Amino acid sequence: MPDHSFHPFCEDRIKPLPMMIDDADARQLFARASMGQTAYHVWAERARKERRFNTARLFDALSAARLARAGAAFHRLGGIRSTAENVASALAGLAVDAGDAGRATGTTDFARELLARAQRAASEGRDLRASELGDLFVCTTCGELQEGELSGACPQCGTVAEAHRAFRAIEAMGTLGPHAIMAFLEHTEEALRALVADLDEASLSRRMTATTPSLKEQIGHLADMDAVFRERAWLLLETEHPVLPPAHPPTLDSAAVYRDQPIDAVLDAYHMTRKQTLSLLRGLTSAAWHRSGSHELYGTINLLHQANWVIYHERSHLIDMAQLRHDLIAGDRRRYQDATVTGVVVTGSNEGE
């Protein structure tokens, strides 16, 4: 089933809430669901930072479910009109008096069941496994959440399966296609060199806090991670449905050895591993990108999944490094009076490109 663009508030598709819900109830539901949607969204972002991508996928699905419920309530309140009227309402300032809105998250038995699974995994210091969380689907009309495979229209409101939003394990890392993947991988080294330009060795080794890695450590960490990705890519390409190593990738702590190395040596380490990775991936057919294997956490995955994983990881560190460069220069303007805060080096890519 294609995962098309998400338009939860399309007026010709949205269905009103049950007539027994009056405006006061609808205002409470709108506030409650909106707060829940925000909470789940930011919790998903936090889970990704902790590399718990299945837990993040669960939070994303629950966030989408609350968004659909908030949209239905807003529709019931007459909050969706023509675009011109909506712009006027936005300019005037939207005010919602919800009173005591009540519970914003964990509002259904099924949501609490899913969250209980995540709680058990978190208590063991790990992410949800593929065997513990299937593909999730959210009805974009009423917010009904289903797990597994869709078998027809939404049981609550009758919205067809094609109008559901999917949160699949195989897409947990992102949905970039081969062209976008290669474009990103080919330009990361250029971004890294821009980020270290004009900074001296002492600054490149500097930790802003005891627990914040230096620029050298982060670049070295990316080199280590690229080698892990290349090993997994080779297994997927050369082995029939391999079982990928369950061991965790190298941590930032293990990259401390790069801190005392010259920046040229650190960049060379990244250059050499990325060069080998690009050589492995260039010219692959669509069938090759879709070669699959098994992973303890994500079940059946393909090379696209693993490439999206390494890109998500690199993009996150590039953002952190851009911020660190900014802070180093801003904190010592006299020392770096000729240095400029680097322009945008972390560019976006179109999903599925």
Protein backbone atom coordinates (compact mmCIF):
# COMPACT_ATOMS: atom_id res chain seq x y z
CA MET A 1 0.00 0.00 0.00
CA PRO A 2 1.57 3.36 -0.99
CA ASP A 3 2.30 5.76 1.84
CA HIS A 4 1.00 8.92 0.20
CA SER A 5 1.04 12.45 1.54
CA PHE A 6 -0.78 12.92 4.82
CA HIS A 7 -3.73 15.30 4.73
CA PRO A 8 -5.72 14.59 7.90
CA PHE A 9 -7.95 17.64 7.73
CA CYS A 10 -9.20 17.34 4.17
CA GLU A 11 -12.82 18.50 4.52
CA ASP A 12 -14.25 16.12 1.95
CA ARG A 13 -12.83 13.16 3.85
CA ILE A 14 -13.10 14.11 7.50
CA LYS A 15 -16.15 12.83 9.31
CA PRO A 16 -17.81 14.71 12.17
CA LEU A 17 -17.64 13.46 15.71
CA PRO A 18 -20.73 11.75 17.13
CA MET A 19 -23.59 14.20 17.51
CA MET A 20 -23.78 13.63 21.26
CA ILE A 21 -20.47 15.52 21.63
CA ASP A 22 -21.29 19.18 22.22
CA ASP A 23 -18.98 22.15 21.70
CA ALA A 24 -17.65 22.02 25.25
CA ASP A 25 -16.68 18.37 24.86
CA ALA A 26 -15.17 19.08 21.45
CA ARG A 27 -13.04 21.91 22.89
CA GLN A 28 -11.75 19.58 25.59
CA LEU A 29 -11.04 16.86 23.06
CA PHE A 30 -9.24 19.33 20.79
CA ALA A 31 -7.01 20.53 23.62
CA ARG A 32 -6.41 17.04 24.98
CA ALA A 33 -5.61 15.49 21.61
CA SER A 34 -3.42 18.43 20.58
CA MET A 35 -1.38 18.17 23.78
CA GLY A 36 -1.08 14.42 23.33
CA GLN A 37 0.04 14.80 19.73
CA THR A 38 2.79 17.21 20.78
CA ALA A 39 3.91 15.04 23.68
CA TYR A 40 4.18 11.91 21.54
CA HIS A 41 6.03 13.85 18.83
CA VAL A 42 8.77 15.18 21.10
CA TRP A 43 9.06 11.82 22.86
CA ALA A 44 9.65 10.22 19.45
CA GLU A 45 12.48 12.65 18.77
CA ARG A 46 14.05 11.78 22.11
CA ALA A 47 13.74 8.04 21.41
CA ARG A 48 15.59 8.51 18.12
CA LYS A 49 18.43 10.28 19.87
CA GLU A 50 18.71 7.20 22.08
CA ARG A 51 18.68 4.93 18.99
CA ARG A 52 15.37 3.38 19.97
CA PHE A 53 13.78 3.61 16.57
CA ASN A 54 10.91 1.17 17.12
CA THR A 55 9.87 3.04 20.25
CA ALA A 56 10.08 6.25 18.21
CA ARG A 57 7.88 4.63 15.55
CA LEU A 58 5.30 3.80 18.20
CA PHE A 59 5.31 7.37 19.49
CA ASP A 60 5.00 8.70 15.92
CA ALA A 61 1.96 6.51 15.27
CA LEU A 62 0.31 7.56 18.52
CA SER A 63 1.05 11.19 17.68
CA ALA A 64 -0.63 10.79 14.28
CA ALA A 65 -3.65 9.20 15.95
CA ARG A 66 -4.01 12.14 18.35
CA LEU A 67 -3.57 14.58 15.45
CA ALA A 68 -6.47 12.98 13.59
CA ARG A 69 -8.65 13.19 16.71
CA ALA A 70 -7.69 16.83 17.24
CA GLY A 71 -8.55 17.56 13.59
CA ALA A 72 -11.97 15.95 13.93
CA ALA A 73 -12.72 17.98 17.06
CA PHE A 74 -11.52 21.19 15.41
CA HIS A 75 -13.78 20.46 12.46
CA ARG A 76 -16.71 19.96 14.85
CA LEU A 77 -16.01 23.40 16.33
CA GLY A 78 -16.15 25.05 12.91
CA GLY A 79 -12.44 25.79 12.94
CA ILE A 80 -11.84 24.78 9.30
CA ARG A 81 -13.16 27.21 6.69
CA SER A 82 -11.79 28.63 3.45
CA THR A 83 -8.07 29.35 3.33
CA ALA A 84 -8.73 33.10 3.37
CA GLU A 85 -10.84 32.72 6.52
CA ASN A 86 -8.27 30.41 8.08
CA VAL A 87 -5.50 32.97 7.46
CA ALA A 88 -7.65 35.64 9.12
CA SER A 89 -8.27 33.36 12.11
CA ALA A 90 -4.55 32.60 12.39
CA LEU A 91 -3.72 36.32 12.30
CA ALA A 92 -6.34 37.11 14.94
CA GLY A 93 -4.94 34.43 17.24
CA LEU A 94 -6.64 31.14 18.00
CA ALA A 95 -7.86 30.87 21.59
CA VAL A 96 -9.12 27.62 23.07
CA ASP A 97 -10.61 27.48 26.55
CA ALA A 98 -10.41 23.80 27.38
CA GLY A 99 -10.81 23.91 31.13
CA ASP A 100 -9.70 20.61 32.64
CA ALA A 101 -8.82 18.72 29.45
CA GLY A 102 -8.04 15.45 31.22
CA ARG A 103 -5.76 12.66 30.00
CA ALA A 104 -3.73 13.59 26.92
CA THR A 105 -1.85 10.33 26.30
CA GLY A 106 -2.59 6.65 26.78
CA THR A 107 -6.26 7.31 26.10
CA THR A 108 -7.23 3.89 24.75
CA ASP A 109 -6.74 0.34 25.96
CA PHE A 110 -4.74 -0.52 22.85
CA ALA A 111 -2.46 2.51 23.23
CA ARG A 112 -1.77 1.52 26.82
CA GLU A 113 -1.03 -2.06 25.74
CA LEU A 114 1.53 -0.84 23.20
CA LEU A 115 3.07 1.56 25.70
CA ALA A 116 3.31 -1.25 28.25
CA ARG A 117 5.41 -3.22 25.75
CA ALA A 118 7.68 -0.20 25.32
CA GLN A 119 7.91 0.18 29.08
CA ARG A 120 9.08 -3.41 29.49
CA ALA A 121 11.74 -2.89 26.82
CA ALA A 122 12.87 0.37 28.38
CA SER A 123 13.16 -1.27 31.80
CA GLU A 124 15.65 -3.66 30.20
CA GLY A 125 17.60 -0.79 28.64
CA ARG A 126 16.72 -1.62 25.03
CA ASP A 127 14.42 -0.82 22.13
CA LEU A 128 11.33 -2.79 21.19
CA ARG A 129 12.14 -5.82 19.05
CA ALA A 130 10.46 -6.68 15.76
CA SER A 131 8.65 -9.52 17.52
CA GLU A 132 7.20 -7.05 20.02
CA LEU A 133 5.88 -4.36 17.68
CA GLY A 134 4.43 -4.96 14.22
CA ASP A 135 3.71 -2.45 11.48
CA LEU A 136 1.32 0.26 12.66
CA PHE A 137 -1.43 2.02 10.70
CA VAL A 138 -3.38 5.12 11.68
CA CYS A 139 -6.71 6.13 10.19
CA THR A 140 -6.27 9.74 9.09
CA THR A 141 -9.96 10.43 9.61
CA CYS A 142 -10.67 9.22 13.15
CA GLY A 143 -7.27 8.25 14.52
CA GLU A 144 -8.00 4.52 14.93
CA LEU A 145 -4.69 2.68 15.42
CA GLN A 146 -4.13 -0.84 14.11
CA GLU A 147 -1.17 -3.23 14.26
CA GLY A 148 -0.16 -5.84 11.69
CA GLU A 149 -1.74 -5.84 8.25
CA LEU A 150 -4.76 -3.82 7.21
CA SER A 151 -7.69 -5.94 6.08
CA GLY A 152 -10.14 -3.39 4.79
CA ALA A 153 -11.67 -0.10 5.82
CA CYS A 154 -11.33 1.44 9.28
CA PRO A 155 -13.60 -0.49 11.68
CA GLN A 156 -14.56 2.74 13.45
CA CYS A 157 -15.38 5.18 10.67
CA GLY A 158 -15.20 3.25 7.38
CA THR A 159 -12.24 5.14 5.89
CA VAL A 160 -10.54 3.01 3.24
CA ALA A 161 -7.18 1.37 3.86
CA GLU A 162 -5.51 3.58 1.26
CA ALA A 163 -6.20 6.63 3.45
CA HIS A 164 -4.34 5.21 6.45
CA ARG A 165 -0.89 6.40 7.41
CA ALA A 166 1.71 3.64 7.74
CA PHE A 167 4.47 3.33 10.33
CA ARG A 168 6.42 0.30 9.14
CA ALA A 169 9.46 -1.23 10.78
CA ILE A 170 11.34 -1.31 7.47
CA GLU A 171 10.85 2.46 7.12
CA ALA A 172 11.73 3.30 10.73
CA MET A 173 14.97 5.00 9.69
CA GLY A 174 13.49 6.99 6.80
CA THR A 175 12.38 6.52 3.20
CA LEU A 176 15.16 8.09 1.14
CA GLY A 177 15.66 6.39 -2.20
CA PRO A 178 18.97 5.42 -3.86
CA HIS A 179 19.54 8.78 -5.59
CA ALA A 180 19.10 10.81 -2.41
CA ILE A 181 21.15 8.32 -0.41
CA MET A 182 24.11 8.50 -2.77
CA ALA A 183 23.93 12.29 -2.99
CA PHE A 184 24.12 12.57 0.78
CA LEU A 185 26.91 10.03 1.20
CA GLU A 186 28.97 11.70 -1.53
CA HIS A 187 28.80 15.16 0.08
CA THR A 188 29.28 14.42 3.78
CA GLU A 189 33.08 14.71 3.62
CA GLU A 190 32.74 18.12 1.99
CA ALA A 191 30.50 19.21 4.86
CA LEU A 192 32.95 17.90 7.46
CA ARG A 193 35.85 19.83 5.92
CA ALA A 194 33.75 23.01 5.92
CA LEU A 195 32.95 22.51 9.59
CA VAL A 196 36.61 22.29 10.66
CA ALA A 197 37.88 25.06 8.38
CA ASP A 198 39.86 27.84 10.15
CA LEU A 199 39.76 26.11 13.55
CA ASP A 200 43.04 25.16 15.22
CA GLU A 201 43.93 21.77 16.65
CA ALA A 202 43.19 22.81 20.23
CA SER A 203 39.65 23.92 19.37
CA LEU A 204 39.01 20.82 17.28
CA SER A 205 39.95 18.69 20.31
CA ARG A 206 38.01 20.81 22.78
CA ARG A 207 35.03 19.46 24.69
CA MET A 208 32.58 22.19 25.69
CA THR A 209 31.55 20.04 28.66
CA ALA A 210 32.95 16.86 30.18
CA THR A 211 30.34 14.75 28.36
CA THR A 212 30.19 16.62 25.04
CA PRO A 213 32.45 15.09 22.36
CA SER A 214 34.86 17.29 20.43
CA LEU A 215 34.72 17.82 16.69
CA LYS A 216 37.55 15.34 16.16
CA GLU A 217 35.78 12.68 18.19
CA GLN A 218 32.54 13.09 16.26
CA ILE A 219 34.29 12.84 12.89
CA GLY A 220 36.15 9.75 14.07
CA HIS A 221 32.88 8.27 15.29
CA LEU A 222 31.33 8.80 11.86
CA ALA A 223 34.29 6.96 10.32
CA ASP A 224 33.73 4.03 12.69
CA MET A 225 30.03 3.96 11.92
CA ASP A 226 30.61 4.08 8.18
CA ALA A 227 32.75 0.96 8.44
CA VAL A 228 29.93 -0.82 10.29
CA PHE A 229 27.42 0.25 7.63
CA ARG A 230 29.67 -0.95 4.83
CA GLU A 231 30.07 -4.36 6.51
CA ARG A 232 26.28 -4.71 6.76
CA ALA A 233 25.81 -3.52 3.18
CA TRP A 234 28.32 -6.11 1.95
CA LEU A 235 26.51 -8.87 3.85
CA LEU A 236 23.18 -7.86 2.33
CA LEU A 237 24.64 -7.73 -1.18
CA GLU A 238 26.74 -10.89 -1.06
CA THR A 239 24.71 -13.22 1.18
CA GLU A 240 21.22 -14.59 0.71
CA HIS A 241 19.06 -13.10 3.47
CA PRO A 242 21.83 -12.80 6.07
CA VAL A 243 21.31 -12.37 9.79
CA LEU A 244 22.91 -9.03 10.57
CA PRO A 245 25.13 -8.84 13.66
CA PRO A 246 23.04 -7.90 16.69
CA ALA A 247 25.97 -6.17 18.39
CA HIS A 248 25.53 -2.45 18.95
CA PRO A 249 27.55 -0.09 16.72
CA PRO A 250 30.58 1.68 18.24
CA THR A 251 29.72 4.41 20.70
CA LEU A 252 31.05 7.94 20.91
CA ASP A 253 33.07 6.93 23.96
CA SER A 254 35.17 4.61 21.79
CA ALA A 255 36.01 7.57 19.52
CA ALA A 256 38.00 9.31 22.28
CA VAL A 257 41.20 8.00 20.63
CA TYR A 258 40.68 10.48 17.78
CA ARG A 259 40.86 13.46 20.10
CA ASP A 260 44.66 13.44 20.25
CA GLN A 261 45.18 12.84 16.53
CA PRO A 262 45.84 15.64 14.00
CA ILE A 263 42.69 16.70 12.21
CA ASP A 264 44.18 15.68 8.86
CA ALA A 265 44.58 12.11 10.13
CA VAL A 266 40.99 12.05 11.41
CA LEU A 267 39.65 13.36 8.10
CA ASP A 268 41.79 10.87 6.21
CA ALA A 269 40.27 8.02 8.25
CA TYR A 270 36.81 9.20 7.27
CA HIS A 271 37.84 9.72 3.64
CA MET A 272 39.23 6.20 3.28
CA THR A 273 36.21 4.40 4.71
CA ARG A 274 33.68 6.53 2.82
CA LYS A 275 35.59 6.01 -0.43
CA GLN A 276 35.27 2.23 0.01
CA THR A 277 31.59 2.54 0.89
CA LEU A 278 30.79 4.61 -2.19
CA SER A 279 32.70 2.15 -4.37
CA LEU A 280 30.52 -0.66 -3.00
CA LEU A 281 27.24 1.18 -3.59
CA ARG A 282 27.75 2.95 -6.92
CA GLY A 283 25.81 1.52 -9.81
CA LEU A 284 23.60 -0.78 -7.76
CA THR A 285 20.32 -1.82 -9.34
CA SER A 286 16.98 -1.29 -7.66
CA ALA A 287 16.88 -5.00 -6.89
CA ALA A 288 20.24 -4.74 -5.12
CA TRP A 289 19.03 -1.87 -2.92
CA HIS A 290 16.07 -4.04 -1.91
CA ARG A 291 18.13 -7.12 -0.99
CA SER A 292 16.98 -8.12 2.46
CA GLY A 293 18.27 -9.64 5.66
CA SER A 294 17.14 -10.20 9.23
CA HIS A 295 17.74 -7.91 12.16
CA GLU A 296 16.89 -8.63 15.78
CA LEU A 297 15.21 -5.26 16.34
CA TYR A 298 13.70 -4.50 12.93
CA GLY A 299 12.89 -7.92 11.52
CA THR A 300 13.24 -8.18 7.74
CA ILE A 301 15.11 -5.14 6.46
CA ASN A 302 16.84 -4.17 3.22
CA LEU A 303 19.85 -2.13 2.14
CA LEU A 304 17.69 0.99 1.83
CA HIS A 305 16.81 0.65 5.52
CA GLN A 306 20.46 0.46 6.55
CA ALA A 307 21.46 3.37 4.29
CA ASN A 308 18.71 5.52 5.79
CA TRP A 309 20.01 4.49 9.22
CA VAL A 310 23.55 5.74 8.54
CA ILE A 311 22.26 8.95 6.93
CA TYR A 312 19.99 9.75 9.87
CA HIS A 313 22.95 9.18 12.18
CA GLU A 314 25.34 11.34 10.15
CA ARG A 315 22.84 14.16 9.71
CA SER A 316 22.27 14.30 13.47
CA HIS A 317 26.00 14.59 14.14
CA LEU A 318 26.50 17.19 11.41
CA ILE A 319 23.90 19.36 13.11
CA ASP A 320 25.63 18.89 16.47
CA MET A 321 28.99 19.76 14.90
CA ALA A 322 27.60 22.87 13.20
CA GLN A 323 26.34 24.04 16.59
CA LEU A 324 29.70 23.26 18.21
CA ARG A 325 31.59 25.21 15.54
CA HIS A 326 29.26 28.15 16.08
CA ASP A 327 29.78 28.05 19.84
CA LEU A 328 33.57 27.79 19.53
CA ILE A 329 33.79 30.80 17.22
CA ALA A 330 31.25 32.87 19.18
CA GLY A 331 33.08 32.10 22.43
CA ASP A 332 36.45 33.29 21.17
CA ARG A 333 35.84 36.04 18.65
CA ARG A 334 39.26 37.60 19.18
CA ARG A 335 40.98 34.35 18.35
CA TYR A 336 38.78 33.66 15.34
CA GLN A 337 38.11 37.19 14.12
CA ASP A 338 38.60 36.11 10.50
CA ALA A 339 36.62 32.89 10.81
CA THR A 340 33.04 32.78 9.71
CA VAL A 341 30.21 30.72 11.06
CA THR A 342 29.91 28.11 8.33
CA GLY A 343 26.87 28.37 6.09
CA VAL A 344 24.33 25.61 5.84
CA VAL A 345 26.13 22.28 5.43
CA VAL A 346 23.35 19.90 6.43
CA THR A 347 20.97 19.84 3.50
CA GLY A 348 17.71 18.01 3.32
CA SER A 349 16.75 15.32 0.82
CA ASN A 350 13.39 14.51 -0.68
CA GLU A 351 11.81 11.41 0.80
CA GLY A 352 11.78 8.57 -1.68
CA GLU A 353 14.04 10.45 -4.12
